[in-house]
Each structure stands twice: as structure tokens, then as C-alpha cells.
Amino acid sequence: MCLIALANGISEKYKLIIAANRDEFLARPAAPADWWDGTDLLAGKDLQANGTWLGITRSGRFAAITNYRDLVNRKDYTTSRGSLISGFLLGKQTPVEYLEYLRESADDYDGYNIIFGYPDELHYFSNKEGEGIILENGLYLLSNHLLNTPWFKAVKFRSGFEEALKSDEDITNTLLDLLLDEEKSPAHLLPSTGLPFDVEKEISSVFIRMKDYGTRCSTVITVGHNNHTGFTEVTHTPERIEKNFQFDIMR
């Protein structure tokens, strides 16, 4: 993932709302969201590493990940960060136990941020910080730096999300529209992550469209106060495919 927005406990209608864009090389094979065979996991699948970037289970286990972009200090790692998502979603460790595992294995992975847990117990961890926090009620934005870093795309999406929370319009459709925003950051607001200026500019928008890289899919998840859950994923390339799922979390 390259943008995750999360409204935790601040909506009258939903206990949790998640909106996310996955940005990836277009040639990397992936399967759209579906129920994984023999499991209660709903997620897309990275067919190269067999992990995922975001998912939720019928028991309410949720996890999503973004890369921490720092090409200046980057090292070579062989372990896919996507395995951290499926590891929690398919495992039986409590969020606190998994947080301890993440701390212990932090140096085994390239930089990442992960949000995981249950709708009423969400944690954030970055192996660039090493501690982790419980997410209190609030609106959180996560891109390819630390939680709530005010990158242009995060600030822009936060503003739209805040307005969506006040509106009577269907929030899933509203957020999916916001996830299509291609406005680029002004030059003076661009971060310095080791990429060439023109590339940094191209990937500064919420929705990315480049020749070989871009936003592959957008996802919105809503969890009601009665635990009824909606999951909508729109795959953008090579053709637009929208998938909708409805289920009740049983925990």
C-alpha cells in the first residue's frame, strides 16, 4: 500500500472506516480481493511473493502495510514484507503478541509501517521507530513515511475524508472518488527520499499513473457498530474490476 486512511471510532455510523490505495509496479502479478481458499481471510494476493498488502477476516482481524521509502539508506532484504500481513491475519497471536514479534524481527525487513489488530484494538508499528502504539479514536493517515507525516497526498486526502465524515452521501463511493485524485504536490512540499525530482513529483498524488508503475487498486472497508462489514475493492489495471463483499464479524 502507499496510502492508508483510517477513521477509528469517530463516525456515528461506523466504528471503523478504512480507505487505501495500493501502488505497485504494473508488471508484478496480483489477484484481486477474494476469500482465500480454506480460510476466513478476505484479501488480494501478491502472486510473486504470495503475501498481501491489506486484508480482514471474518473474526475481525485486520492488517495493512506500507513501505517506508528511504532509498538513501536502503539495504537488500530477501523477506517479503507482505508476509507480515498474512502472518497476522492467518495466525492466532493476539495483537500484543504480534507486536512483540514485529519488534524482535524488525531488522529482518526493509522499512515498513503496519496497522493491525481488531476494529476495537488497532496497533501501529514501524520498524523505523521500533516501539509501536495503540491507535486511539481519531483519523489517521499513513503513506510511505511514519504515521501522520504531513506529505501532500496525506494532507489532501485527510481534508477530503473529514468532509466525507460530515456528509450524508454514501461514504464508500465518496472515498473511492477521493482515492482517484491525481493532483501533484507543489515542488516545495515534496519529500526527499532518494528518488529523482521528476519521479518524486509523479508519485506525490493520491492516485498515481505512470508508464510502468501506479495505483493498482483502491479499497474501502466499513465496519458498523453492529459489526456488519462492507469491503469494496476497485482494480484499476489492466482493466477496471469492482468487487463488493458484505459479512458480519463474528468474534
Protein backbone atom coordinates (compact mmCIF):
# COMPACT_ATOMS: atom_id res chain seq x y z
CA MET A 1 0.00 0.00 0.00
CA CYS A 2 1.06 3.57 -0.48
CA LEU A 3 -1.80 5.37 1.21
CA ILE A 4 -3.95 4.20 4.11
CA ALA A 5 -6.55 6.42 5.77
CA LEU A 6 -8.31 5.17 8.86
CA ALA A 7 -11.20 6.68 10.82
CA ASN A 8 -11.24 4.92 14.16
CA GLY A 9 -14.23 5.44 16.47
CA ILE A 10 -15.19 8.89 15.17
CA SER A 11 -18.15 8.10 12.90
CA GLU A 12 -21.73 7.86 14.14
CA LYS A 13 -22.47 5.11 11.62
CA TYR A 14 -19.23 3.11 11.62
CA LYS A 15 -16.77 2.08 14.28
CA LEU A 16 -14.04 1.79 11.64
CA ILE A 17 -13.58 3.12 8.11
CA ILE A 18 -10.51 2.32 6.01
CA ALA A 19 -9.61 3.75 2.62
CA ALA A 20 -6.44 2.68 0.84
CA ASN A 21 -4.56 2.75 -2.45
CA ARG A 22 -2.06 0.12 -3.43
CA ASP A 23 0.75 1.43 -5.64
CA GLU A 24 2.98 -1.12 -7.32
CA PHE A 25 4.90 -1.93 -10.49
CA LEU A 26 2.36 -2.83 -13.16
CA ALA A 27 4.22 -5.97 -14.16
CA ARG A 28 4.06 -7.51 -10.67
CA PRO A 29 1.33 -10.17 -10.78
CA ALA A 30 -1.54 -9.92 -8.31
CA ALA A 31 -5.01 -11.37 -7.77
CA PRO A 32 -7.96 -9.18 -6.78
CA ALA A 33 -9.61 -9.46 -3.39
CA ASP A 34 -11.42 -12.68 -2.60
CA TRP A 35 -11.81 -15.22 0.17
CA TRP A 36 -8.61 -17.24 0.42
CA ASP A 37 -9.19 -20.97 0.00
CA GLY A 38 -9.71 -22.82 3.27
CA THR A 39 -9.54 -19.66 5.40
CA ASP A 40 -11.76 -16.82 6.62
CA LEU A 41 -9.41 -14.22 5.10
CA LEU A 42 -10.62 -11.67 2.56
CA ALA A 43 -7.71 -10.04 0.72
CA GLY A 44 -5.98 -9.56 -2.57
CA LYS A 45 -2.86 -11.60 -3.21
CA ASP A 46 0.62 -10.73 -4.42
CA LEU A 47 1.25 -13.65 -6.77
CA GLN A 48 5.00 -13.07 -6.77
CA ALA A 49 5.56 -13.43 -3.01
CA ASN A 50 2.17 -14.98 -2.07
CA GLY A 51 1.54 -12.37 0.59
CA THR A 52 -0.90 -9.48 0.69
CA TRP A 53 -0.99 -5.75 1.38
CA LEU A 54 -4.35 -5.45 3.17
CA GLY A 55 -6.94 -7.85 4.47
CA ILE A 56 -9.62 -8.63 7.02
CA THR A 57 -11.02 -11.88 8.41
CA ARG A 58 -14.49 -12.96 9.49
CA SER A 59 -13.26 -12.78 13.09
CA GLY A 60 -12.30 -9.13 12.58
CA ARG A 61 -8.53 -9.45 12.32
CA PHE A 62 -7.30 -6.60 10.13
CA ALA A 63 -3.90 -5.63 8.79
CA ALA A 64 -2.44 -3.31 6.16
CA ILE A 65 1.11 -2.30 5.30
CA THR A 66 3.02 0.45 3.52
CA ASN A 67 6.67 0.60 2.57
CA TYR A 68 8.86 3.19 4.29
CA ARG A 69 10.59 4.94 1.41
CA ASP A 70 14.24 5.78 2.03
CA LEU A 71 16.40 4.93 -0.96
CA VAL A 72 19.44 6.66 0.55
CA ASN A 73 19.84 4.22 3.44
CA ARG A 74 18.24 1.17 1.85
CA LYS A 75 19.71 -2.30 2.31
CA ASP A 76 18.97 -5.54 0.46
CA TYR A 77 16.46 -7.87 2.10
CA THR A 78 15.09 -11.17 0.83
CA THR A 79 11.99 -11.48 3.04
CA SER A 80 8.76 -10.02 1.65
CA ARG A 81 7.04 -7.50 3.89
CA GLY A 82 3.70 -8.78 2.61
CA SER A 83 4.23 -11.92 4.69
CA LEU A 84 3.80 -9.76 7.79
CA ILE A 85 0.17 -9.13 6.84
CA SER A 86 -0.79 -12.71 6.08
CA GLY A 87 1.22 -13.81 9.11
CA PHE A 88 -1.06 -11.88 11.42
CA LEU A 89 -4.30 -12.46 9.54
CA LEU A 90 -3.84 -16.22 9.28
CA GLY A 91 -2.22 -16.61 12.70
CA LYS A 92 -3.57 -16.90 16.21
CA GLN A 93 -1.34 -14.45 18.05
CA THR A 94 -3.03 -11.61 19.87
CA PRO A 95 -2.19 -8.11 18.63
CA VAL A 96 0.08 -7.60 21.64
CA GLU A 97 1.90 -10.87 20.95
CA TYR A 98 2.28 -9.97 17.27
CA LEU A 99 3.62 -6.55 18.19
CA GLU A 100 6.35 -8.24 20.20
CA TYR A 101 7.18 -10.44 17.19
CA LEU A 102 7.42 -7.34 14.99
CA ARG A 103 9.80 -5.71 17.43
CA GLU A 104 12.01 -8.79 17.56
CA SER A 105 12.12 -9.21 13.76
CA ALA A 106 12.33 -5.51 12.86
CA ASP A 107 15.83 -5.74 11.39
CA ASP A 108 14.87 -8.63 9.09
CA TYR A 109 12.81 -6.44 6.76
CA ASP A 110 13.21 -3.37 4.63
CA GLY A 111 11.43 -0.32 6.04
CA TYR A 112 7.69 -0.67 6.61
CA ASN A 113 4.66 0.56 8.53
CA ILE A 114 1.88 -1.77 9.62
CA ILE A 115 -1.56 -1.21 11.11
CA PHE A 116 -3.08 -4.35 12.58
CA GLY A 117 -5.44 -5.74 15.19
CA TYR A 118 -9.22 -5.71 15.58
CA PRO A 119 -11.68 -2.86 14.98
CA ASP A 120 -11.70 -2.18 18.72
CA GLU A 121 -7.95 -2.75 19.24
CA LEU A 122 -5.74 -1.38 16.49
CA HIS A 123 -1.96 -1.05 16.69
CA TYR A 124 0.58 0.81 14.59
CA PHE A 125 4.21 -0.25 14.25
CA SER A 126 7.12 0.90 12.10
CA ASN A 127 10.44 -0.90 12.06
CA LYS A 128 11.97 2.55 11.57
CA GLU A 129 10.82 3.53 15.07
CA GLY A 130 10.72 0.19 16.82
CA GLU A 131 8.12 0.70 19.55
CA GLY A 132 4.53 0.78 18.31
CA ILE A 133 1.38 2.44 19.63
CA ILE A 134 -2.29 1.67 20.18
CA LEU A 135 -4.47 3.80 17.93
CA GLU A 136 -6.90 5.83 19.99
CA ASN A 137 -10.06 7.22 18.41
CA GLY A 138 -9.16 9.56 15.58
CA LEU A 139 -8.39 9.97 11.89
CA TYR A 140 -5.01 8.62 10.79
CA LEU A 141 -3.13 8.94 7.50
CA LEU A 142 -0.23 6.72 6.50
CA SER A 143 1.83 6.91 3.34
CA ASN A 144 5.47 5.90 2.81
CA HIS A 145 6.82 7.59 5.91
CA LEU A 146 5.75 7.48 9.56
CA LEU A 147 2.13 7.69 10.73
CA ASN A 148 0.55 11.11 10.12
CA THR A 149 3.62 12.51 8.36
CA PRO A 150 2.14 15.52 6.52
CA TRP A 151 3.05 14.58 2.96
CA PHE A 152 0.95 16.35 0.34
CA LYS A 153 -1.17 13.32 -0.56
CA ALA A 154 -1.89 12.55 3.10
CA VAL A 155 -2.89 16.13 3.93
CA LYS A 156 -5.06 16.35 0.82
CA PHE A 157 -6.82 13.07 1.50
CA ARG A 158 -7.33 13.90 5.17
CA SER A 159 -9.22 17.04 4.19
CA GLY A 160 -11.50 15.11 1.85
CA PHE A 161 -12.05 12.34 4.40
CA GLU A 162 -13.03 14.86 7.08
CA GLU A 163 -15.64 16.34 4.74
CA ALA A 164 -16.91 12.87 3.84
CA LEU A 165 -17.48 12.09 7.51
CA LYS A 166 -19.78 15.13 7.76
CA SER A 167 -21.75 14.26 4.63
CA ASP A 168 -24.91 12.18 4.22
CA GLU A 169 -23.57 10.76 0.95
CA ASP A 170 -22.53 7.11 0.73
CA ILE A 171 -19.08 7.15 2.24
CA THR A 172 -17.75 4.18 0.28
CA ASN A 173 -18.39 5.84 -3.08
CA THR A 174 -17.15 9.19 -1.79
CA LEU A 175 -13.86 7.72 -0.59
CA LEU A 176 -13.37 5.74 -3.80
CA ASP A 177 -13.71 9.00 -5.72
CA LEU A 178 -11.21 10.73 -3.41
CA LEU A 179 -8.76 7.88 -4.00
CA LEU A 180 -8.68 8.85 -7.70
CA ASP A 181 -7.18 12.29 -7.03
CA GLU A 182 -4.20 12.88 -9.36
CA GLU A 183 -3.20 16.35 -8.15
CA LYS A 184 0.59 16.55 -7.70
CA SER A 185 2.42 18.19 -4.83
CA PRO A 186 3.96 21.64 -5.27
CA ALA A 187 7.73 21.34 -5.62
CA HIS A 188 8.50 22.96 -2.26
CA LEU A 189 6.39 20.36 -0.42
CA LEU A 190 8.00 17.27 -1.95
CA PRO A 191 9.84 14.96 0.45
CA SER A 192 13.44 13.93 -0.17
CA THR A 193 13.54 10.13 -0.19
CA GLY A 194 16.33 9.50 -2.68
CA LEU A 195 14.20 9.47 -5.84
CA PRO A 196 14.83 11.80 -8.79
CA PHE A 197 12.78 15.00 -8.58
CA ASP A 198 10.52 14.16 -11.52
CA VAL A 199 9.68 10.73 -10.07
CA GLU A 200 9.08 12.18 -6.60
CA LYS A 201 6.67 14.61 -8.25
CA GLU A 202 4.82 11.91 -10.20
CA ILE A 203 4.19 9.76 -7.13
CA SER A 204 3.15 12.64 -4.88
CA SER A 205 -0.54 12.36 -5.78
CA VAL A 206 -3.12 10.16 -4.09
CA PHE A 207 -3.63 8.26 -7.35
CA ILE A 208 -0.51 7.51 -9.39
CA ARG A 209 -0.46 6.94 -13.14
CA MET A 210 2.93 6.19 -14.72
CA LYS A 211 4.14 4.01 -17.58
CA ASP A 212 5.40 1.09 -15.51
CA TYR A 213 4.16 1.96 -12.01
CA GLY A 214 0.98 3.24 -10.47
CA THR A 215 -2.10 2.73 -8.34
CA ARG A 216 -3.18 -0.85 -8.94
CA CYS A 217 -6.26 -0.94 -6.73
CA SER A 218 -8.34 1.09 -4.27
CA THR A 219 -10.09 -0.39 -1.24
CA VAL A 220 -12.70 0.87 1.20
CA ILE A 221 -13.71 -1.11 4.28
CA THR A 222 -16.52 -0.10 6.64
CA VAL A 223 -17.26 -1.81 9.96
CA GLY A 224 -20.56 -0.84 11.55
CA HIS A 225 -21.20 -0.62 15.28
CA ASN A 226 -23.14 -3.89 14.84
CA ASN A 227 -20.01 -5.42 13.21
CA HIS A 228 -21.60 -5.60 9.75
CA THR A 229 -18.70 -5.13 7.36
CA GLY A 230 -18.53 -3.87 3.81
CA PHE A 231 -15.45 -4.42 1.64
CA THR A 232 -15.17 -2.80 -1.78
CA GLU A 233 -12.11 -3.11 -3.99
CA VAL A 234 -11.64 -1.48 -7.37
CA THR A 235 -8.82 -2.86 -9.51
CA HIS A 236 -7.64 -0.23 -11.99
CA THR A 237 -5.25 -2.13 -14.24
CA PRO A 238 -5.16 -3.79 -16.71
CA GLU A 239 -8.95 -3.22 -16.65
CA ARG A 240 -11.37 -1.82 -14.10
CA ILE A 241 -12.90 -4.52 -11.89
CA GLU A 242 -15.05 -3.71 -8.87
CA LYS A 243 -15.68 -6.36 -6.21
CA ASN A 244 -18.05 -5.98 -3.27
CA PHE A 245 -18.33 -8.14 -0.17
CA GLN A 246 -20.64 -7.99 2.84
CA PHE A 247 -20.30 -10.04 6.02
CA ASP A 248 -20.70 -9.88 9.78
CA ILE A 249 -17.66 -10.07 12.02
CA MET A 250 -18.05 -12.95 14.46
CA ARG A 251 -15.73 -12.72 17.42
